[in-house]
C-alpha atoms as a PDB file:
ATOM      1  CA  MET A   1     -50.115 -49.566  79.157  1.00  0.00           C
ATOM      2  CA  ALA A   2     -47.986 -52.136  80.767  1.00  0.00           C
ATOM      3  CA  GLU A   3     -47.200 -54.967  78.115  1.00  0.00           C
ATOM      4  CA  THR A   4     -49.276 -58.196  78.967  1.00  0.00           C
ATOM      5  CA  ASP A   5     -47.386 -60.991  80.895  1.00  0.00           C
ATOM      6  CA  LEU A   6     -47.848 -63.838  77.904  1.00  0.00           C
ATOM      7  CA  LYS A   7     -47.465 -67.370  78.433  1.00  0.00           C
ATOM      8  CA  GLN A   8     -47.035 -70.322  75.914  1.00  0.00           C
ATOM      9  CA  VAL A   9     -49.362 -73.458  76.283  1.00  0.00           C
ATOM     10  CA  VAL A  10     -49.219 -77.035  73.992  1.00  0.00           C
ATOM     11  CA  LEU A  11     -52.264 -77.773  73.048  1.00  0.00           C
ATOM     12  CA  TYR A  12     -53.084 -81.137  72.218  1.00  0.00           C
ATOM     13  CA  ALA A  13     -55.825 -82.239  69.558  1.00  0.00           C
ATOM     14  CA  TYR A  14     -57.790 -86.101  69.512  1.00  0.00           C
ATOM     15  CA  GLU A  15     -60.532 -87.353  68.091  1.00  0.00           C
ATOM     16  CA  ILE A  16     -63.381 -88.797  70.515  1.00  0.00           C
ATOM     17  CA  ASP A  17     -63.823 -92.007  69.166  1.00  0.00           C
ATOM     18  CA  ASN A  18     -67.626 -92.817  68.068  1.00  0.00           C
ATOM     19  CA  LYS A  19     -68.797 -95.958  68.874  1.00  0.00           C
ATOM     20  CA  ASN A  20     -71.961 -95.940  66.989  1.00  0.00           C
ATOM     21  CA  LEU A  21     -72.276 -96.408  63.538  1.00  0.00           C
ATOM     22  CA  THR A  22     -75.846 -95.287  63.458  1.00  0.00           C
ATOM     23  CA  LYS A  23     -74.477 -91.337  64.924  1.00  0.00           C
ATOM     24  CA  SER A  24     -72.058 -89.042  63.072  1.00  0.00           C
ATOM     25  CA  HIS A  25     -70.225 -88.362  66.248  1.00  0.00           C
ATOM     26  CA  SER A  26     -69.515 -89.729  69.729  1.00  0.00           C
ATOM     27  CA  ASP A  27     -72.453 -88.632  72.175  1.00  0.00           C
ATOM     28  CA  LEU A  28     -69.368 -87.143  74.847  1.00  0.00           C
ATOM     29  CA  LYS A  29     -70.535 -83.793  74.217  1.00  0.00           C
ATOM     30  CA  GLU A  30     -74.709 -84.721  75.091  1.00  0.00           C
ATOM     31  CA  LYS A  31     -74.422 -87.154  77.789  1.00  0.00           C
ATOM     32  CA  LEU A  32     -71.189 -84.823  79.616  1.00  0.00           C
ATOM     33  CA  SER A  33     -73.576 -81.873  79.503  1.00  0.00           C
ATOM     34  CA  LYS A  34     -76.503 -83.483  81.316  1.00  0.00           C
ATOM     35  CA  LYS A  35     -74.379 -84.716  83.765  1.00  0.00           C
ATOM     36  CA  LEU A  36     -72.854 -81.562  85.187  1.00  0.00           C
ATOM     37  CA  ALA A  37     -76.312 -79.936  84.675  1.00  0.00           C
ATOM     38  CA  GLU A  38     -77.494 -82.128  87.259  1.00  0.00           C
ATOM     39  CA  ASP A  39     -74.277 -82.474  89.773  1.00  0.00           C
ATOM     40  CA  ARG A  40     -74.567 -78.538  89.507  1.00  0.00           C
ATOM     41  CA  GLU A  41     -75.568 -78.340  93.648  1.00  0.00           C
ATOM     42  CA  SER A  42     -72.336 -79.856  94.429  1.00  0.00           C
ATOM     43  CA  ALA A  43     -68.211 -79.944  93.316  1.00  0.00           C
ATOM     44  CA  SER A  44     -67.990 -83.371  96.102  1.00  0.00           C
ATOM     45  CA  ASN A  45     -69.966 -85.554  93.509  1.00  0.00           C
ATOM     46  CA  ARG A  46     -67.079 -84.808  90.972  1.00  0.00           C
ATOM     47  CA  ARG A  47     -64.343 -86.002  93.398  1.00  0.00           C
ATOM     48  CA  LEU A  48     -62.175 -88.785  91.929  1.00  0.00           C
ATOM     49  CA  THR A  49     -60.267 -90.980  94.857  1.00  0.00           C
ATOM     50  CA  ILE A  50     -57.557 -92.523  92.646  1.00  0.00           C
ATOM     51  CA  ASN A  51     -56.719 -95.124  94.823  1.00  0.00           C
ATOM     52  CA  SER A  52     -57.976 -96.805  98.711  1.00  0.00           C
ATOM     53  CA  LEU A  53     -53.902 -95.880  99.940  1.00  0.00           C
ATOM     54  CA  SER A  54     -53.428 -92.414  98.513  1.00  0.00           C
ATOM     55  CA  ASN A  55     -55.326 -89.111  99.596  1.00  0.00           C
ATOM     56  CA  GLU A  56     -55.138 -87.198  95.665  1.00  0.00           C
ATOM     57  CA  GLU A  57     -58.341 -87.137  93.856  1.00  0.00           C
ATOM     58  CA  ASP A  58     -58.884 -85.893  90.749  1.00  0.00           C
ATOM     59  CA  LEU A  59     -61.088 -83.451  89.594  1.00  0.00           C
ATOM     60  CA  LEU A  60     -63.548 -81.035  87.558  1.00  0.00           C
ATOM     61  CA  SER A  61     -63.383 -77.791  90.069  1.00  0.00           C
ATOM     62  CA  SER A  62     -64.987 -75.630  86.902  1.00  0.00           C
ATOM     63  CA  TYR A  63     -66.338 -75.696  83.801  1.00  0.00           C
ATOM     64  CA  SER A  64     -68.517 -73.919  81.172  1.00  0.00           C
ATOM     65  CA  ILE A  65     -71.249 -75.140  78.795  1.00  0.00           C
ATOM     66  CA  SER A  66     -72.315 -74.272  75.876  1.00  0.00           C
ATOM     67  CA  ASN A  67     -73.798 -74.505  72.697  1.00  0.00           C
ATOM     68  CA  GLN A  68     -70.934 -75.046  70.557  1.00  0.00           C
ATOM     69  CA  LEU A  69     -68.055 -76.879  73.379  1.00  0.00           C
ATOM     70  CA  ILE A  70     -67.076 -78.232  76.964  1.00  0.00           C
ATOM     71  CA  PHE A  71     -64.352 -76.093  78.868  1.00  0.00           C
ATOM     72  CA  GLY A  72     -63.303 -77.749  81.912  1.00  0.00           C
ATOM     73  CA  VAL A  73     -60.247 -77.107  84.311  1.00  0.00           C
ATOM     74  CA  MET A  74     -59.348 -80.556  85.780  1.00  0.00           C
ATOM     75  CA  TRP A  75     -57.164 -80.928  89.107  1.00  0.00           C
ATOM     76  CA  ARG A  76     -55.174 -83.204  90.895  1.00  0.00           C
ATOM     77  CA  ILE A  77     -55.403 -82.576  94.185  1.00  0.00           C
ATOM     78  CA  ILE A  78     -53.933 -83.610  97.501  1.00  0.00           C
ATOM     79  CA  PRO A  79     -54.684 -82.389 101.264  1.00  0.00           C
ATOM     80  CA  GLN A  80     -51.166 -80.227 103.190  1.00  0.00           C
ATOM     81  CA  LYS A  81     -49.525 -83.296 105.644  1.00  0.00           C
ATOM     82  CA  GLU A  82     -50.833 -80.769 108.506  1.00  0.00           C
ATOM     83  CA  VAL A  83     -54.140 -81.537 107.016  1.00  0.00           C
ATOM     84  CA  PRO A  84     -56.085 -84.835 107.821  1.00  0.00           C
ATOM     85  CA  SER A  85     -58.500 -85.056 105.306  1.00  0.00           C
ATOM     86  CA  ILE A  86     -60.464 -82.445 102.669  1.00  0.00           C
ATOM     87  CA  PRO A  87     -62.972 -80.248 104.448  1.00  0.00           C
ATOM     88  CA  PRO A  88     -66.463 -81.145 102.677  1.00  0.00           C
ATOM     89  CA  GLU A  89     -67.436 -77.715 103.134  1.00  0.00           C
ATOM     90  CA  LEU A  90     -64.825 -77.036 100.443  1.00  0.00           C
ATOM     91  CA  PHE A  91     -66.712 -79.353  97.553  1.00  0.00           C
ATOM     92  CA  SER A  92     -70.388 -77.527  98.763  1.00  0.00           C
ATOM     93  CA  LYS A  93     -70.543 -75.173  95.250  1.00  0.00           C
ATOM     94  CA  PRO A  94     -70.608 -75.863  91.843  1.00  0.00           C
ATOM     95  CA  THR A  95     -67.295 -74.742  91.431  1.00  0.00           C
ATOM     96  CA  ILE A  96     -64.099 -74.138  92.677  1.00  0.00           C
ATOM     97  CA  THR A  97     -61.214 -71.740  92.256  1.00  0.00           C
ATOM     98  CA  ILE A  98     -57.832 -72.144  93.752  1.00  0.00           C
ATOM     99  CA  ASN A  99     -58.328 -69.448  96.070  1.00  0.00           C
ATOM    100  CA  GLU A 100     -60.953 -71.107  97.355  1.00  0.00           C
ATOM    101  CA  ILE A 101     -59.125 -74.001  98.747  1.00  0.00           C
ATOM    102  CA  MET A 102     -57.811 -72.298 101.791  1.00  0.00           C
ATOM    103  CA  ASP A 103     -58.787 -71.386 105.361  1.00  0.00           C
ATOM    104  CA  LYS A 104     -60.339 -68.171 106.772  1.00  0.00           C
ATOM    105  CA  LYS A 105     -56.843 -67.137 107.773  1.00  0.00           C
ATOM    106  CA  GLY A 106     -55.304 -67.775 104.823  1.00  0.00           C
ATOM    107  CA  ASN A 107     -53.756 -71.105 105.047  1.00  0.00           C
ATOM    108  CA  THR A 108     -53.924 -73.920 102.046  1.00  0.00           C
ATOM    109  CA  LEU A 109     -55.901 -76.048 103.227  1.00  0.00           C
ATOM    110  CA  LEU A 110     -54.754 -78.973 100.226  1.00  0.00           C
ATOM    111  CA  THR A 111     -52.501 -78.546  96.986  1.00  0.00           C
ATOM    112  CA  CYS A 112     -52.939 -78.664  93.806  1.00  0.00           C
ATOM    113  CA  LYS A 113     -50.004 -81.222  92.336  1.00  0.00           C
ATOM    114  CA  ASP A 114     -51.475 -80.776  88.628  1.00  0.00           C
ATOM    115  CA  GLN A 115     -53.546 -78.785  86.576  1.00  0.00           C
ATOM    116  CA  TYR A 116     -54.678 -78.184  82.539  1.00  0.00           C
ATOM    117  CA  TYR A 117     -57.216 -77.143  80.590  1.00  0.00           C
ATOM    118  CA  PHE A 118     -59.636 -79.518  78.012  1.00  0.00           C
ATOM    119  CA  ALA A 119     -62.247 -78.210  75.535  1.00  0.00           C
ATOM    120  CA  LEU A 120     -64.513 -80.627  73.853  1.00  0.00           C
ATOM    121  CA  ASN A 121     -67.488 -80.689  71.313  1.00  0.00           C
ATOM    122  CA  ASP A 122     -69.275 -83.012  69.881  1.00  0.00           C
ATOM    123  CA  ASN A 123     -65.706 -84.682  67.376  1.00  0.00           C
ATOM    124  CA  TYR A 124     -62.866 -83.511  69.617  1.00  0.00           C
ATOM    125  CA  LEU A 125     -61.233 -83.212  72.490  1.00  0.00           C
ATOM    126  CA  VAL A 126     -58.570 -80.275  72.516  1.00  0.00           C
ATOM    127  CA  THR A 127     -56.422 -80.262  75.877  1.00  0.00           C
ATOM    128  CA  SER A 128     -53.409 -78.553  77.757  1.00  0.00           C
ATOM    129  CA  ALA A 129     -52.791 -81.378  79.540  1.00  0.00           C
ATOM    130  CA  LYS A 130     -49.099 -83.211  78.809  1.00  0.00           C
ATOM    131  CA  ARG A 131     -49.913 -86.518  76.309  1.00  0.00           C
ATOM    132  CA  SER A 132     -48.878 -88.488  78.902  1.00  0.00           C
ATOM    133  CA  LYS A 133     -52.380 -87.346  80.822  1.00  0.00           C
ATOM    134  CA  ILE A 134     -54.736 -88.114  78.654  1.00  0.00           C
ATOM    135  CA  ARG A 135     -54.880 -92.040  79.600  1.00  0.00           C
ATOM    136  CA  ALA A 136     -55.766 -90.801  83.389  1.00  0.00           C
ATOM    137  CA  PHE A 137     -58.613 -87.773  81.864  1.00  0.00           C
ATOM    138  CA  GLU A 138     -59.764 -90.951  79.759  1.00  0.00           C
ATOM    139  CA  ALA A 139     -60.591 -93.132  83.331  1.00  0.00           C
ATOM    140  CA  TYR A 140     -62.000 -89.909  84.765  1.00  0.00           C
ATOM    141  CA  ILE A 141     -64.647 -89.292  82.261  1.00  0.00           C
ATOM    142  CA  ASN A 142     -65.724 -93.215  81.690  1.00  0.00           C
ATOM    143  CA  TRP A 143     -65.853 -92.768  85.854  1.00  0.00           C
ATOM    144  CA  LEU A 144     -67.251 -89.422  85.839  1.00  0.00           C
ATOM    145  CA  LEU A 145     -70.553 -90.621  83.506  1.00  0.00           C
ATOM    146  CA  GLU A 146     -70.415 -95.017  84.050  1.00  0.00           C
ATOM    147  CA  ALA A 147     -74.359 -94.582  84.884  1.00  0.00           C
ATOM    148  CA  GLU A 148     -74.920 -93.412  81.977  1.00  0.00           C
ATOM    149  CA  LEU A 149     -72.294 -95.355  79.598  1.00  0.00           C
ATOM    150  CA  LEU A 150     -73.891 -98.893  79.938  1.00  0.00           C
ATOM    151  CA  ASP A 151     -71.795-101.127  77.837  1.00  0.00           C
ATOM    152  CA  THR A 152     -69.767 -98.715  76.078  1.00  0.00           C
ATOM    153  CA  THR A 153     -66.959 -96.588  77.217  1.00  0.00           C
ATOM    154  CA  TYR A 154     -65.442 -92.855  76.424  1.00  0.00           C
ATOM    155  CA  SER A 155     -61.939 -92.941  74.838  1.00  0.00           C
ATOM    156  CA  PHE A 156     -59.683 -90.253  72.377  1.00  0.00           C
ATOM    157  CA  THR A 157     -57.583 -90.809  70.067  1.00  0.00           C
ATOM    158  CA  PRO A 158     -54.603 -88.998  69.086  1.00  0.00           C
ATOM    159  CA  LEU A 159     -54.716 -86.804  65.786  1.00  0.00           C
ATOM    160  CA  VAL A 160     -52.411 -87.150  63.203  1.00  0.00           C
ATOM    161  CA  GLN A 161     -51.315 -85.920  59.946  1.00  0.00           C
ATOM    162  CA  ALA A 162     -48.990 -86.074  56.864  1.00  0.00           C
ATOM    163  CA  PRO A 163     -46.033 -83.305  56.956  1.00  0.00           C
ATOM    164  CA  LYS A 164     -45.986 -81.127  53.951  1.00  0.00           C
ATOM    165  CA  ASP A 165     -46.204 -82.525  50.550  1.00  0.00           C
ATOM    166  CA  THR A 166     -46.322 -86.619  52.057  1.00  0.00           C
ATOM    167  CA  ARG A 167     -49.248 -88.827  52.567  1.00  0.00           C
ATOM    168  CA  LEU A 168     -49.872 -91.473  55.734  1.00  0.00           C
ATOM    169  CA  SER A 169     -50.348 -93.882  52.705  1.00  0.00           C
ATOM    170  CA  GLN A 170     -46.381 -93.591  52.235  1.00  0.00           C
ATOM    171  CA  VAL A 171     -45.638 -95.035  56.074  1.00  0.00           C
ATOM    172  CA  LYS A 172     -43.068 -98.152  54.857  1.00  0.00           C
ATOM    173  CA  ASN A 173     -42.493 -98.483  59.001  1.00  0.00           C
ATOM    174  CA  ILE A 174     -42.017 -97.559  62.760  1.00  0.00           C
ATOM    175  CA  VAL A 175     -39.402 -97.867  64.401  1.00  0.00           C
ATOM    176  CA  PHE A 176     -39.828 -97.653  68.439  1.00  0.00           C
ATOM    177  CA  SER A 177     -36.125 -96.509  69.859  1.00  0.00           C
ATOM    178  CA  GLN A 178     -35.509 -95.560  73.310  1.00  0.00           C
ATOM    179  CA  PRO A 179     -35.892 -91.716  74.671  1.00  0.00           C
ATOM    180  CA  LYS A 180     -32.954 -90.320  74.458  1.00  0.00           C
ATOM    181  CA  SER A 181     -31.805 -88.283  77.712  1.00  0.00           C
ATOM    182  CA  ASN A 182     -28.437 -86.674  78.721  1.00  0.00           C
ATOM    183  CA  LYS A 183     -29.013 -87.759  82.368  1.00  0.00           C
ATOM    184  CA  LYS A 184     -26.605 -90.845  82.963  1.00  0.00           C
ATOM    185  CA  LYS A 185     -28.033 -93.451  84.676  1.00  0.00           C
ATOM    186  CA  LYS A 186     -26.533 -96.439  87.043  1.00  0.00           C
ATOM    187  CA  PRO A 187     -25.926 -99.636  86.013  1.00  0.00           C
ATOM    188  CA  ASN A 188     -29.114-101.899  85.997  1.00  0.00           C
ATOM    189  CA  ASP A 189     -31.549 -98.825  85.937  1.00  0.00           C
ATOM    190  CA  THR A 190     -34.756-100.207  85.501  1.00  0.00           C
ATOM    191  CA  ASN A 191     -37.060 -96.878  85.549  1.00  0.00           C
ATOM    192  CA  ILE A 192     -36.559 -96.419  81.834  1.00  0.00           C
ATOM    193  CA  LYS A 193     -39.417 -94.135  81.342  1.00  0.00           C
ATOM    194  CA  SER A 194     -40.567 -95.800  77.696  1.00  0.00           C
ATOM    195  CA  SER A 195     -43.915 -97.721  76.444  1.00  0.00           C
ATOM    196  CA  LYS A 196     -44.208-101.533  76.360  1.00  0.00           C
ATOM    197  CA  VAL A 197     -43.609-101.494  72.564  1.00  0.00           C
ATOM    198  CA  ILE A 198     -39.524-100.251  73.347  1.00  0.00           C
ATOM    199  CA  ASN A 199     -38.824-101.938  76.782  1.00  0.00           C
ATOM    200  CA  PHE A 200     -40.326-105.019  74.813  1.00  0.00           C
ATOM    201  CA  ALA A 201     -37.132-104.695  72.174  1.00  0.00           C
ATOM    202  CA  ILE A 202     -34.849-103.818  75.460  1.00  0.00           C
ATOM    203  CA  ASP A 203     -36.104-107.667  76.518  1.00  0.00           C
ATOM    204  CA  MET A 204     -35.457-108.666  73.632  1.00  0.00           C
ATOM    205  CA  LEU A 205     -31.788-107.495  73.485  1.00  0.00           C
ATOM    206  CA  LYS A 206     -31.197-108.454  77.163  1.00  0.00           C
ATOM    207  CA  LYS A 207     -31.791-112.007  76.774  1.00  0.00           C
ATOM    208  CA  VAL A 208     -29.177-112.033  73.843  1.00  0.00           C
ATOM    209  CA  VAL A 209     -26.473-110.451  75.614  1.00  0.00           C
ATOM    210  CA  ASP A 210     -26.743-111.609  78.905  1.00  0.00           C
ATOM    211  CA  ASP A 211     -23.885-114.138  77.813  1.00  0.00           C
ATOM    212  CA  VAL A 212     -21.448-111.364  76.323  1.00  0.00           C
ATOM    213  CA  PRO A 213     -20.478-109.229  78.890  1.00  0.00           C
ATOM    214  CA  GLU A 214     -19.281-106.697  77.057  1.00  0.00           C
ATOM    215  CA  TRP A 215     -22.483-106.141  75.207  1.00  0.00           C
ATOM    216  CA  LYS A 216     -23.995-106.353  78.895  1.00  0.00           C
ATOM    217  CA  THR A 217     -21.879-103.750  79.987  1.00  0.00           C
ATOM    218  CA  MET A 218     -22.288-101.807  76.917  1.00  0.00           C
ATOM    219  CA  MET A 219     -26.310-102.093  77.504  1.00  0.00           C
ATOM    220  CA  ASP A 220     -25.771-100.931  81.204  1.00  0.00           C
ATOM    221  CA  ASN A 221     -23.968 -97.777  79.889  1.00  0.00           C
ATOM    222  CA  ASN A 222     -26.144 -96.854  77.436  1.00  0.00           C
ATOM    223  CA  ILE A 223     -23.624 -97.382  74.706  1.00  0.00           C
ATOM    224  CA  LEU A 224     -25.570-100.874  73.245  1.00  0.00           C
ATOM    225  CA  SER A 225     -29.610 -99.482  72.191  1.00  0.00           C
ATOM    226  CA  ALA A 226     -32.669-100.705  70.960  1.00  0.00           C
ATOM    227  CA  LYS A 227     -34.618-100.270  68.555  1.00  0.00           C
ATOM    228  CA  LEU A 228     -38.119-102.344  67.119  1.00  0.00           C
ATOM    229  CA  LEU A 229     -39.294-101.977  63.616  1.00  0.00           C
ATOM    230  CA  VAL A 230     -42.517-102.436  62.598  1.00  0.00           C
ATOM    231  CA  LYS A 231     -43.227-102.594  58.852  1.00  0.00           C
ATOM    232  CA  PHE A 232     -46.599-100.998  58.205  1.00  0.00           C
ATOM    233  CA  SER A 233     -48.567-100.660  55.119  1.00  0.00           C
ATOM    234  CA  GLN A 234     -52.175 -99.148  54.015  1.00  0.00           C
ATOM    235  CA  PRO A 235     -54.236-101.851  52.428  1.00  0.00           C
ATOM    236  CA  LYS A 236     -55.441-100.082  48.464  1.00  0.00           C
ATOM    237  CA  ASN A 237     -59.210-101.432  49.449  1.00  0.00           C
ATOM    238  CA  MET A 238     -58.308 -99.036  53.228  1.00  0.00           C
ATOM    239  CA  GLU A 239     -59.435 -95.116  53.525  1.00  0.00           C
ATOM    240  CA  ASP A 240     -57.122 -92.736  54.567  1.00  0.00           C
ATOM    241  CA  GLU A 241     -59.460 -91.847  57.556  1.00  0.00           C
ATOM    242  CA  VAL A 242     -59.406 -95.453  58.956  1.00  0.00           C
ATOM    243  CA  TYR A 243     -55.508 -95.834  58.137  1.00  0.00           C
ATOM    244  CA  LYS A 244     -54.977 -91.913  60.347  1.00  0.00           C
ATOM    245  CA  LYS A 245     -57.022 -92.915  63.335  1.00  0.00           C
ATOM    246  CA  ILE A 246     -54.667 -96.612  63.424  1.00  0.00           C
ATOM    247  CA  LEU A 247     -51.524 -94.414  62.804  1.00  0.00           C
ATOM    248  CA  GLY A 248     -52.973 -92.477  66.190  1.00  0.00           C
ATOM    249  CA  SER A 249     -53.857 -95.031  68.128  1.00  0.00           C
ATOM    250  CA  CYS A 250     -50.202 -96.546  67.730  1.00  0.00           C
ATOM    251  CA  MET A 251     -49.078 -92.910  69.270  1.00  0.00           C
ATOM    252  CA  LYS A 252     -51.526 -93.256  72.491  1.00  0.00           C
ATOM    253  CA  PRO A 253     -49.341 -95.186  74.662  1.00  0.00           C
ATOM    254  CA  ILE A 254     -46.154 -93.080  73.570  1.00  0.00           C
ATOM    255  CA  ASP A 255     -45.400 -90.684  76.074  1.00  0.00           C
ATOM    256  CA  ASP A 256     -42.031 -89.499  74.767  1.00  0.00           C
ATOM    257  CA  THR A 257     -43.164 -88.989  70.887  1.00  0.00           C
ATOM    258  CA  GLU A 258     -39.194 -88.208  70.026  1.00  0.00           C
ATOM    259  CA  GLY A 259     -38.456 -92.149  70.657  1.00  0.00           C
ATOM    260  CA  VAL A 260     -41.037 -93.049  67.015  1.00  0.00           C
ATOM    261  CA  SER A 261     -39.619 -92.274  63.900  1.00  0.00           C
ATOM    262  CA  PHE A 262     -41.538 -92.749  60.941  1.00  0.00           C
ATOM    263  CA  LYS A 263     -39.705 -93.792  57.712  1.00  0.00           C
ATOM    264  CA  LEU A 264     -42.086 -93.031  54.174  1.00  0.00           C
ATOM    265  CA  ASN A 265     -41.780 -94.541  51.056  1.00  0.00           C
ATOM    266  CA  ASN A 266     -39.231 -92.302  49.552  1.00  0.00           C
ATOM    267  CA  GLY A 267     -37.184 -92.943  52.849  1.00  0.00           C
ATOM    268  CA  THR A 268     -37.585 -89.669  54.561  1.00  0.00           C
ATOM    269  CA  THR A 269     -37.850 -90.948  58.035  1.00  0.00           C
ATOM    270  CA  VAL A 270     -40.931 -88.505  60.282  1.00  0.00           C
ATOM    271  CA  THR A 271     -40.011 -88.146  64.390  1.00  0.00           C
ATOM    272  CA  GLY A 272     -43.896 -88.830  66.135  1.00  0.00           C
ATOM    273  CA  SER A 273     -43.591 -85.143  67.448  1.00  0.00           C
ATOM    274  CA  ASN A 274     -44.302 -84.219  63.916  1.00  0.00           C
ATOM    275  CA  LEU A 275     -47.331 -86.300  63.148  1.00  0.00           C
ATOM    276  CA  ILE A 276     -49.163 -85.394  66.308  1.00  0.00           C
ATOM    277  CA  VAL A 277     -51.250 -81.909  65.952  1.00  0.00           C
ATOM    278  CA  THR A 278     -50.805 -79.381  68.134  1.00  0.00           C
ATOM    279  CA  ARG A 279     -50.787 -75.627  68.328  1.00  0.00           C
ATOM    280  CA  THR A 280     -48.678 -73.377  71.129  1.00  0.00           C
ATOM    281  CA  VAL A 281     -50.710 -70.641  71.368  1.00  0.00           C
ATOM    282  CA  ASP A 282     -50.181 -67.263  73.545  1.00  0.00           C
ATOM    283  CA  VAL A 283     -51.728 -66.538  76.568  1.00  0.00           C
ATOM    284  CA  GLU A 284     -52.059 -63.764  79.205  1.00  0.00           C
ATOM    285  CA  LYS A 285     -50.688 -64.737  82.751  1.00  0.00           C
ATOM    286  CA  VAL A 286     -52.195 -63.692  85.568  1.00  0.00           C
ATOM    287  CA  ASP A 287     -51.279 -63.681  88.866  1.00  0.00           C
ATOM    288  CA  VAL A 288     -52.035 -67.047  89.617  1.00  0.00           C
ATOM    289  CA  GLY A 289     -51.511 -69.114  86.318  1.00  0.00           C
ATOM    290  CA  ILE A 290     -53.539 -67.406  83.746  1.00  0.00           C
ATOM    291  CA  SER A 291     -56.557 -66.148  82.036  1.00  0.00           C
ATOM    292  CA  GLU A 292     -58.693 -68.666  81.881  1.00  0.00           C
ATOM    293  CA  PRO A 293     -60.910 -66.161  79.668  1.00  0.00           C
ATOM    294  CA  SER A 294     -57.510 -66.181  76.790  1.00  0.00           C
ATOM    295  CA  ILE A 295     -57.252 -70.344  76.898  1.00  0.00           C
ATOM    296  CA  ARG A 296     -60.521 -70.797  75.973  1.00  0.00           C
ATOM    297  CA  LEU A 297     -60.859 -68.672  73.301  1.00  0.00           C
ATOM    298  CA  GLU A 298     -57.532 -69.819  71.481  1.00  0.00           C
ATOM    299  CA  MET A 299     -59.135 -73.726  72.611  1.00  0.00           C
ATOM    300  CA  LYS A 300     -62.452 -72.450  70.641  1.00  0.00           C
ATOM    301  CA  LYS A 301     -60.299 -71.643  67.860  1.00  0.00           C
ATOM    302  CA  PHE A 302     -58.460 -74.732  67.794  1.00  0.00           C
ATOM    303  CA  LEU A 303     -61.459 -76.893  67.983  1.00  0.00           C
ATOM    304  CA  ASN A 304     -63.312 -74.645  64.903  1.00  0.00           C
ATOM    305  CA  ASP A 305     -59.893 -75.667  62.912  1.00  0.00           C
ATOM    306  CA  LEU A 306     -60.608 -78.865  63.291  1.00  0.00           C
ATOM    307  CA  ASN A 307     -63.830 -78.975  62.589  1.00  0.00           C
ATOM    308  CA  SER A 308     -63.541 -77.093  59.093  1.00  0.00           C
ATOM    309  CA  MET A 309     -60.533 -79.916  58.440  1.00  0.00           C
ATOM    310  CA  GLN A 310     -62.949 -82.926  58.280  1.00  0.00           C
END
């Protein structure tokens, strides 16, 4: 028997923020289950146009609902250049697969620019989407459930955990620095992919070095770099879970967690990527992508483990 080809997939964990203090958990799973049940006739109701000048759309292409979790597949789609628009009949079914985005002659009608999976229960979200995609997913979920939300919104906070033999209360400060890159940037390259807090440090440094040509040259050539130091301490009367959420919120806008480091009271330095809760899983590869039952099972296991940590 031939060996099964496997692919490693990194799963990221988020807490579903509960803004209703009268309930023990968020009602996102309940509201999303209800919405998807109402839209079972057509996937067309789940198409979100990214902006008025673009043909790109986000779509929850397929899903499954059980008592334990909701599992879904997210697409970022765009029509092929020779196709003026996405044929509406493609979305007449409740769910859509990759094989169904072709015409009868086998020509692809649209391009799936990005695809990722997610699973959520009452408390947690697990997804294969890279961290930079979480805001787009957040926006999509709030758009999809807009009629149900009234004056509230749903949000997701990255789960963080202390490295072995340490406590999050030991965090003394956070250092934001420019992400490391092996690519040489052209002078005055403003396309720096970093967070606003890191850009703030860079802008402050630029103001200092403007009148010193030698320093400015070093900065343009990545010889001189900027760091932003933020002092942190857990108030004595603050619960660990509240403090953990605050640290998770600090990590949410940071795409490159290697550019963030936490200094502990004992002098140890921990990178942001070592605080973020992730899990790398092996899933079966198939002709197109990976086995969805396989990734769903791994996500279910991850969610179960997260629940047991409460």
